Amino acid sequence: MKKITIAIDGFSSCGKSTMAKDLAREVGYIYVDTGAMYRSVTLFALRNHLFNADGSIKTAELEAQMPNISISFQLNAETGRPDTYLNGECVEKDIRTLEVSNHVSPIAALPFVRQALVAQQQQMGRDKGVVMDGRDIGTVVFPNAELKIFVTASAEVRAQRRFDELKQKGMPADFDDILKNVQERDYIDSHREVSPLRKADDAIELDNSHLTIAEQKQWLMEQFNKAIRI
């Protein structure tokens, strides 16, 4: 059976990562969470005081530090899913906090950050058999991907999912703060100069606002089976 590249793009908190992880596991592909990569750079910047008091980024200092930022993924035997590692440290929980969420979009908009991480992502997917999710996978990272999915859902539905996820993990969560964060990230992601979030011309759109996980999985497998037969 031929191997293909699967690109899943869409708005924040659409459940792209869960979809991509489940699909990769189902079909035996490698999964790469590009959002986790940008979150890891953001965590590094927060830990190393690379934000000014007004929230702006110390760009020259961050650019100088980029060669010292190593991001990798290792399979977690308990969950069956990959965890994110920053310079050898598992940061899977640390990168999911609201503080990181509030700072990640400006970091992801920096051309030198995107250039460095896109190069890493393309290297990871050079042999196909990969599922990758993010904001610009089908438009920039893998414009020739055989299967492109663009995921969307209402801001309120996405905020509720994020709220539920944080509460489930025992982390502090305020719905109004999360909704504001989702709306702000949508605007920044869609309006940034470098690789803005947009649906690729040949992507299949999925609005999963009212789909169950089972319905979503079935739909994805149908698209995958169609793509590998072409």
C-alpha atoms as a PDB file:
ATOM      1  CA  MET A   1       0.000   0.000   0.000  1.00  0.00           C
ATOM      2  CA  LYS A   2       1.411   3.393  -0.953  1.00  0.00           C
ATOM      3  CA  LYS A   3       2.260   5.872   1.791  1.00  0.00           C
ATOM      4  CA  ILE A   4       0.946   9.422   1.617  1.00  0.00           C
ATOM      5  CA  THR A   5       1.382  12.716   3.454  1.00  0.00           C
ATOM      6  CA  ILE A   6      -1.642  13.944   5.422  1.00  0.00           C
ATOM      7  CA  ALA A   7      -1.905  17.654   6.284  1.00  0.00           C
ATOM      8  CA  ILE A   8      -4.513  18.744   8.851  1.00  0.00           C
ATOM      9  CA  ASP A   9      -4.881  22.512   9.256  1.00  0.00           C
ATOM     10  CA  GLY A  10      -7.414  24.644  11.075  1.00  0.00           C
ATOM     11  CA  PHE A  11      -8.228  27.027  13.885  1.00  0.00           C
ATOM     12  CA  SER A  12      -6.961  26.633  17.457  1.00  0.00           C
ATOM     13  CA  SER A  13      -8.755  24.176  19.761  1.00  0.00           C
ATOM     14  CA  CYS A  14     -10.569  22.428  16.900  1.00  0.00           C
ATOM     15  CA  GLY A  15      -9.288  19.080  18.081  1.00  0.00           C
ATOM     16  CA  LYS A  16      -6.835  18.845  15.169  1.00  0.00           C
ATOM     17  CA  SER A  17      -4.132  17.227  17.285  1.00  0.00           C
ATOM     18  CA  THR A  18      -6.456  14.569  18.698  1.00  0.00           C
ATOM     19  CA  MET A  19      -7.773  13.826  15.204  1.00  0.00           C
ATOM     20  CA  ALA A  20      -4.287  13.615  13.749  1.00  0.00           C
ATOM     21  CA  LYS A  21      -2.936  11.445  16.591  1.00  0.00           C
ATOM     22  CA  ASP A  22      -5.850   9.007  16.336  1.00  0.00           C
ATOM     23  CA  LEU A  23      -5.622   8.799  12.543  1.00  0.00           C
ATOM     24  CA  ALA A  24      -1.862   8.232  12.646  1.00  0.00           C
ATOM     25  CA  ARG A  25      -2.258   5.450  15.197  1.00  0.00           C
ATOM     26  CA  GLU A  26      -5.110   3.880  13.196  1.00  0.00           C
ATOM     27  CA  VAL A  27      -3.156   3.747   9.920  1.00  0.00           C
ATOM     28  CA  GLY A  28       0.343   3.208  11.386  1.00  0.00           C
ATOM     29  CA  TYR A  29       1.754   6.607  10.374  1.00  0.00           C
ATOM     30  CA  ILE A  30       4.111   8.967  12.221  1.00  0.00           C
ATOM     31  CA  TYR A  31       2.357  11.908  13.903  1.00  0.00           C
ATOM     32  CA  VAL A  32       3.942  15.357  14.215  1.00  0.00           C
ATOM     33  CA  ASP A  33       2.218  18.052  16.324  1.00  0.00           C
ATOM     34  CA  THR A  34       3.540  21.299  14.831  1.00  0.00           C
ATOM     35  CA  GLY A  35       1.496  23.373  17.283  1.00  0.00           C
ATOM     36  CA  ALA A  36       3.448  21.724  20.099  1.00  0.00           C
ATOM     37  CA  MET A  37       6.660  22.824  18.377  1.00  0.00           C
ATOM     38  CA  TYR A  38       5.590  26.493  18.384  1.00  0.00           C
ATOM     39  CA  ARG A  39       4.360  26.111  21.964  1.00  0.00           C
ATOM     40  CA  SER A  40       7.776  24.706  22.923  1.00  0.00           C
ATOM     41  CA  VAL A  41       9.554  27.751  21.480  1.00  0.00           C
ATOM     42  CA  THR A  42       7.079  29.923  23.419  1.00  0.00           C
ATOM     43  CA  LEU A  43       7.789  28.025  26.645  1.00  0.00           C
ATOM     44  CA  PHE A  44      11.523  28.453  26.049  1.00  0.00           C
ATOM     45  CA  ALA A  45      11.002  32.218  25.547  1.00  0.00           C
ATOM     46  CA  LEU A  46       8.919  32.495  28.743  1.00  0.00           C
ATOM     47  CA  ARG A  47      11.441  30.541  30.805  1.00  0.00           C
ATOM     48  CA  ASN A  48      14.340  32.601  29.493  1.00  0.00           C
ATOM     49  CA  HIS A  49      12.621  35.974  30.016  1.00  0.00           C
ATOM     50  CA  LEU A  50      12.486  36.776  26.293  1.00  0.00           C
ATOM     51  CA  PHE A  51       9.243  38.738  26.634  1.00  0.00           C
ATOM     52  CA  ASN A  52       9.236  42.407  27.614  1.00  0.00           C
ATOM     53  CA  ALA A  53       6.912  43.724  30.331  1.00  0.00           C
ATOM     54  CA  ASP A  54       4.423  44.893  27.673  1.00  0.00           C
ATOM     55  CA  GLY A  55       4.248  41.382  26.162  1.00  0.00           C
ATOM     56  CA  SER A  56       6.412  42.152  23.142  1.00  0.00           C
ATOM     57  CA  ILE A  57       9.153  39.685  22.213  1.00  0.00           C
ATOM     58  CA  LYS A  58      12.892  40.271  22.502  1.00  0.00           C
ATOM     59  CA  THR A  59      13.241  39.114  18.891  1.00  0.00           C
ATOM     60  CA  ALA A  60      16.991  39.556  18.467  1.00  0.00           C
ATOM     61  CA  GLU A  61      17.690  37.522  21.614  1.00  0.00           C
ATOM     62  CA  LEU A  62      15.219  34.795  20.616  1.00  0.00           C
ATOM     63  CA  GLU A  63      16.665  34.569  17.105  1.00  0.00           C
ATOM     64  CA  ALA A  64      20.154  34.155  18.597  1.00  0.00           C
ATOM     65  CA  GLN A  65      18.815  31.338  20.824  1.00  0.00           C
ATOM     66  CA  MET A  66      17.015  29.376  18.062  1.00  0.00           C
ATOM     67  CA  PRO A  67      20.008  27.049  17.417  1.00  0.00           C
ATOM     68  CA  ASN A  68      19.801  26.056  21.119  1.00  0.00           C
ATOM     69  CA  ILE A  69      16.152  24.950  20.850  1.00  0.00           C
ATOM     70  CA  SER A  70      15.779  21.256  20.086  1.00  0.00           C
ATOM     71  CA  ILE A  71      12.256  19.815  19.809  1.00  0.00           C
ATOM     72  CA  SER A  72      11.499  16.106  19.503  1.00  0.00           C
ATOM     73  CA  PHE A  73       8.661  13.657  20.057  1.00  0.00           C
ATOM     74  CA  GLN A  74       8.775  10.385  21.980  1.00  0.00           C
ATOM     75  CA  LEU A  75       6.005   7.809  22.223  1.00  0.00           C
ATOM     76  CA  ASN A  76       4.411   7.612  25.667  1.00  0.00           C
ATOM     77  CA  ALA A  77       3.906   3.908  26.416  1.00  0.00           C
ATOM     78  CA  GLU A  78       1.004   4.615  28.805  1.00  0.00           C
ATOM     79  CA  THR A  79      -1.061   6.858  26.510  1.00  0.00           C
ATOM     80  CA  GLY A  80       0.086   5.379  23.205  1.00  0.00           C
ATOM     81  CA  ARG A  81       0.653   8.927  21.964  1.00  0.00           C
ATOM     82  CA  PRO A  82       3.777  11.029  21.435  1.00  0.00           C
ATOM     83  CA  ASP A  83       4.907  13.492  24.111  1.00  0.00           C
ATOM     84  CA  THR A  84       6.764  16.702  23.275  1.00  0.00           C
ATOM     85  CA  TYR A  85      10.355  17.150  24.456  1.00  0.00           C
ATOM     86  CA  LEU A  86      12.212  20.467  24.658  1.00  0.00           C
ATOM     87  CA  ASN A  87      15.963  20.025  24.880  1.00  0.00           C
ATOM     88  CA  GLY A  88      15.456  16.521  26.265  1.00  0.00           C
ATOM     89  CA  GLU A  89      12.814  17.481  28.866  1.00  0.00           C
ATOM     90  CA  CYS A  90       9.211  16.282  28.559  1.00  0.00           C
ATOM     91  CA  VAL A  91       7.129  19.480  28.398  1.00  0.00           C
ATOM     92  CA  GLU A  92       3.800  18.005  27.271  1.00  0.00           C
ATOM     93  CA  LYS A  93       1.890  19.526  30.232  1.00  0.00           C
ATOM     94  CA  ASP A  94       3.889  22.754  30.453  1.00  0.00           C
ATOM     95  CA  ILE A  95       3.126  23.770  26.850  1.00  0.00           C
ATOM     96  CA  ARG A  96      -0.658  23.379  27.299  1.00  0.00           C
ATOM     97  CA  THR A  97      -1.095  26.120  29.917  1.00  0.00           C
ATOM     98  CA  LEU A  98      -3.109  29.282  29.220  1.00  0.00           C
ATOM     99  CA  GLU A  99       0.067  31.356  29.726  1.00  0.00           C
ATOM    100  CA  VAL A 100       1.684  29.594  26.767  1.00  0.00           C
ATOM    101  CA  SER A 101      -1.576  29.856  24.774  1.00  0.00           C
ATOM    102  CA  ASN A 102      -1.621  33.610  25.362  1.00  0.00           C
ATOM    103  CA  HIS A 103       1.917  34.041  23.983  1.00  0.00           C
ATOM    104  CA  VAL A 104       2.180  31.462  21.197  1.00  0.00           C
ATOM    105  CA  SER A 105       0.585  33.331  18.262  1.00  0.00           C
ATOM    106  CA  PRO A 106       3.082  36.256  18.258  1.00  0.00           C
ATOM    107  CA  ILE A 107       5.954  33.742  18.505  1.00  0.00           C
ATOM    108  CA  ALA A 108       4.518  31.697  15.623  1.00  0.00           C
ATOM    109  CA  ALA A 109       4.237  34.849  13.498  1.00  0.00           C
ATOM    110  CA  LEU A 110       8.014  35.482  13.603  1.00  0.00           C
ATOM    111  CA  PRO A 111       9.567  34.631  10.205  1.00  0.00           C
ATOM    112  CA  PHE A 112      12.796  33.184  11.670  1.00  0.00           C
ATOM    113  CA  VAL A 113      10.835  30.892  14.025  1.00  0.00           C
ATOM    114  CA  ARG A 114       8.623  29.625  11.195  1.00  0.00           C
ATOM    115  CA  GLN A 115      11.603  29.130   8.885  1.00  0.00           C
ATOM    116  CA  ALA A 116      13.461  27.043  11.482  1.00  0.00           C
ATOM    117  CA  LEU A 117      10.473  24.887  12.407  1.00  0.00           C
ATOM    118  CA  VAL A 118       9.182  24.405   8.840  1.00  0.00           C
ATOM    119  CA  ALA A 119      12.620  23.060   7.873  1.00  0.00           C
ATOM    120  CA  GLN A 120      12.426  20.587  10.782  1.00  0.00           C
ATOM    121  CA  GLN A 121       8.874  19.583   9.817  1.00  0.00           C
ATOM    122  CA  GLN A 122       9.769  18.979   6.168  1.00  0.00           C
ATOM    123  CA  GLN A 123      12.689  16.824   7.278  1.00  0.00           C
ATOM    124  CA  MET A 124      10.367  14.786   9.511  1.00  0.00           C
ATOM    125  CA  GLY A 125       7.982  14.140   6.608  1.00  0.00           C
ATOM    126  CA  ARG A 126      10.446  13.476   3.793  1.00  0.00           C
ATOM    127  CA  ASP A 127       9.633   9.732   3.614  1.00  0.00           C
ATOM    128  CA  LYS A 128       5.820  10.189   3.655  1.00  0.00           C
ATOM    129  CA  GLY A 129       3.682   8.025   5.960  1.00  0.00           C
ATOM    130  CA  VAL A 130       3.205  11.077   8.163  1.00  0.00           C
ATOM    131  CA  VAL A 131       0.235  12.949   9.664  1.00  0.00           C
ATOM    132  CA  MET A 132       0.991  16.551  10.537  1.00  0.00           C
ATOM    133  CA  ASP A 133      -1.332  19.204  11.941  1.00  0.00           C
ATOM    134  CA  GLY A 134      -0.946  22.946  12.296  1.00  0.00           C
ATOM    135  CA  ARG A 135      -1.846  26.214  10.573  1.00  0.00           C
ATOM    136  CA  ASP A 136       0.141  26.073   7.322  1.00  0.00           C
ATOM    137  CA  ILE A 137       0.840  22.388   6.658  1.00  0.00           C
ATOM    138  CA  GLY A 138      -1.199  22.128   3.456  1.00  0.00           C
ATOM    139  CA  THR A 139      -0.220  25.580   2.185  1.00  0.00           C
ATOM    140  CA  VAL A 140       3.482  25.894   3.125  1.00  0.00           C
ATOM    141  CA  VAL A 141       5.031  22.804   4.743  1.00  0.00           C
ATOM    142  CA  PHE A 142       3.550  20.158   2.415  1.00  0.00           C
ATOM    143  CA  PRO A 143       1.795  21.920  -0.477  1.00  0.00           C
ATOM    144  CA  ASN A 144       1.841  18.610  -2.400  1.00  0.00           C
ATOM    145  CA  ALA A 145       0.268  16.512   0.376  1.00  0.00           C
ATOM    146  CA  GLU A 146      -2.055  13.875  -1.040  1.00  0.00           C
ATOM    147  CA  LEU A 147      -4.704  14.488   1.640  1.00  0.00           C
ATOM    148  CA  LYS A 148      -5.426  17.930   3.088  1.00  0.00           C
ATOM    149  CA  ILE A 149      -8.084  18.542   5.747  1.00  0.00           C
ATOM    150  CA  PHE A 150      -9.121  21.992   7.002  1.00  0.00           C
ATOM    151  CA  VAL A 151     -10.911  21.852  10.365  1.00  0.00           C
ATOM    152  CA  THR A 152     -13.204  24.504  11.748  1.00  0.00           C
ATOM    153  CA  ALA A 153     -15.744  24.952  14.565  1.00  0.00           C
ATOM    154  CA  SER A 154     -17.388  27.917  16.280  1.00  0.00           C
ATOM    155  CA  ALA A 155     -15.246  29.894  18.737  1.00  0.00           C
ATOM    156  CA  GLU A 156     -17.652  29.079  21.590  1.00  0.00           C
ATOM    157  CA  VAL A 157     -17.498  25.329  20.928  1.00  0.00           C
ATOM    158  CA  ARG A 158     -13.698  25.448  20.772  1.00  0.00           C
ATOM    159  CA  ALA A 159     -13.446  27.463  24.001  1.00  0.00           C
ATOM    160  CA  GLN A 160     -15.712  24.959  25.774  1.00  0.00           C
ATOM    161  CA  ARG A 161     -13.531  22.051  24.595  1.00  0.00           C
ATOM    162  CA  ARG A 162     -10.386  23.799  25.825  1.00  0.00           C
ATOM    163  CA  PHE A 163     -12.097  24.612  29.160  1.00  0.00           C
ATOM    164  CA  ASP A 164     -13.188  20.973  29.604  1.00  0.00           C
ATOM    165  CA  GLU A 165      -9.702  19.704  28.698  1.00  0.00           C
ATOM    166  CA  LEU A 166      -7.981  21.932  31.273  1.00  0.00           C
ATOM    167  CA  LYS A 167     -10.503  21.052  34.010  1.00  0.00           C
ATOM    168  CA  GLN A 168     -10.055  17.358  33.251  1.00  0.00           C
ATOM    169  CA  LYS A 169      -6.309  17.769  33.734  1.00  0.00           C
ATOM    170  CA  GLY A 170      -6.910  19.575  37.033  1.00  0.00           C
ATOM    171  CA  MET A 171      -5.545  22.852  35.653  1.00  0.00           C
ATOM    172  CA  PRO A 172      -7.101  26.282  36.378  1.00  0.00           C
ATOM    173  CA  ALA A 173      -9.559  27.443  33.714  1.00  0.00           C
ATOM    174  CA  ASP A 174     -11.882  30.401  33.145  1.00  0.00           C
ATOM    175  CA  PHE A 175     -14.274  30.091  30.163  1.00  0.00           C
ATOM    176  CA  ASP A 176     -14.362  33.824  29.340  1.00  0.00           C
ATOM    177  CA  ASP A 177     -10.559  34.062  29.367  1.00  0.00           C
ATOM    178  CA  ILE A 178     -10.294  31.019  27.125  1.00  0.00           C
ATOM    179  CA  LEU A 179     -12.908  32.353  24.659  1.00  0.00           C
ATOM    180  CA  LYS A 180     -11.040  35.669  24.462  1.00  0.00           C
ATOM    181  CA  ASN A 181      -7.788  33.782  23.842  1.00  0.00           C
ATOM    182  CA  VAL A 182      -9.394  31.668  21.068  1.00  0.00           C
ATOM    183  CA  GLN A 183     -10.781  34.773  19.325  1.00  0.00           C
ATOM    184  CA  GLU A 184      -7.483  36.658  19.599  1.00  0.00           C
ATOM    185  CA  ARG A 185      -5.520  33.702  18.237  1.00  0.00           C
ATOM    186  CA  ASP A 186      -7.937  33.349  15.312  1.00  0.00           C
ATOM    187  CA  TYR A 187      -7.322  36.964  14.361  1.00  0.00           C
ATOM    188  CA  ILE A 188      -3.524  36.810  14.722  1.00  0.00           C
ATOM    189  CA  ASP A 189      -3.234  33.458  12.936  1.00  0.00           C
ATOM    190  CA  SER A 190      -5.383  34.635  10.009  1.00  0.00           C
ATOM    191  CA  HIS A 191      -3.760  38.071   9.625  1.00  0.00           C
ATOM    192  CA  ARG A 192      -0.047  37.448  10.140  1.00  0.00           C
ATOM    193  CA  GLU A 193       2.259  38.311   7.243  1.00  0.00           C
ATOM    194  CA  VAL A 194       4.114  34.992   7.120  1.00  0.00           C
ATOM    195  CA  SER A 195       2.102  31.826   6.342  1.00  0.00           C
ATOM    196  CA  PRO A 196      -1.314  33.055   7.544  1.00  0.00           C
ATOM    197  CA  LEU A 197      -3.924  30.452   8.420  1.00  0.00           C
ATOM    198  CA  ARG A 198      -6.018  29.758   5.326  1.00  0.00           C
ATOM    199  CA  LYS A 199      -7.668  26.798   3.676  1.00  0.00           C
ATOM    200  CA  ALA A 200      -5.613  25.322   0.829  1.00  0.00           C
ATOM    201  CA  ASP A 201      -7.497  25.325  -2.476  1.00  0.00           C
ATOM    202  CA  ASP A 202      -7.493  21.512  -2.583  1.00  0.00           C
ATOM    203  CA  ALA A 203      -8.283  20.933   1.118  1.00  0.00           C
ATOM    204  CA  ILE A 204     -11.476  19.223   2.285  1.00  0.00           C
ATOM    205  CA  GLU A 205     -13.270  21.288   4.939  1.00  0.00           C
ATOM    206  CA  LEU A 206     -14.613  19.667   8.103  1.00  0.00           C
ATOM    207  CA  ASP A 207     -16.812  21.631  10.517  1.00  0.00           C
ATOM    208  CA  ASN A 208     -16.761  19.398  13.597  1.00  0.00           C
ATOM    209  CA  SER A 209     -18.830  21.685  15.877  1.00  0.00           C
ATOM    210  CA  HIS A 210     -21.557  19.069  16.264  1.00  0.00           C
ATOM    211  CA  LEU A 211     -19.803  15.816  15.375  1.00  0.00           C
ATOM    212  CA  THR A 212     -19.113  13.059  17.858  1.00  0.00           C
ATOM    213  CA  ILE A 213     -15.557  11.699  18.001  1.00  0.00           C
ATOM    214  CA  ALA A 214     -16.810   8.443  16.437  1.00  0.00           C
ATOM    215  CA  GLU A 215     -18.444  10.311  13.517  1.00  0.00           C
ATOM    216  CA  GLN A 216     -15.283  12.346  13.008  1.00  0.00           C
ATOM    217  CA  LYS A 217     -13.086   9.218  12.995  1.00  0.00           C
ATOM    218  CA  GLN A 218     -15.327   7.524  10.449  1.00  0.00           C
ATOM    219  CA  TRP A 219     -15.265  10.595   8.175  1.00  0.00           C
ATOM    220  CA  LEU A 220     -11.457  10.814   8.392  1.00  0.00           C
ATOM    221  CA  MET A 221     -10.969   7.141   7.565  1.00  0.00           C
ATOM    222  CA  GLU A 222     -13.231   7.544   4.532  1.00  0.00           C
ATOM    223  CA  GLN A 223     -11.084  10.450   3.277  1.00  0.00           C
ATOM    224  CA  PHE A 224      -7.883   8.475   3.951  1.00  0.00           C
ATOM    225  CA  ASN A 225      -9.113   5.408   2.075  1.00  0.00           C
ATOM    226  CA  LYS A 226     -10.141   7.562  -0.903  1.00  0.00           C
ATOM    227  CA  ALA A 227      -6.720   9.287  -0.944  1.00  0.00           C
ATOM    228  CA  ILE A 228      -4.640   6.091  -0.910  1.00  0.00           C
ATOM    229  CA  ARG A 229      -6.680   4.652  -3.804  1.00  0.00           C
ATOM    230  CA  ILE A 230      -5.958   7.611  -6.110  1.00  0.00           C
END
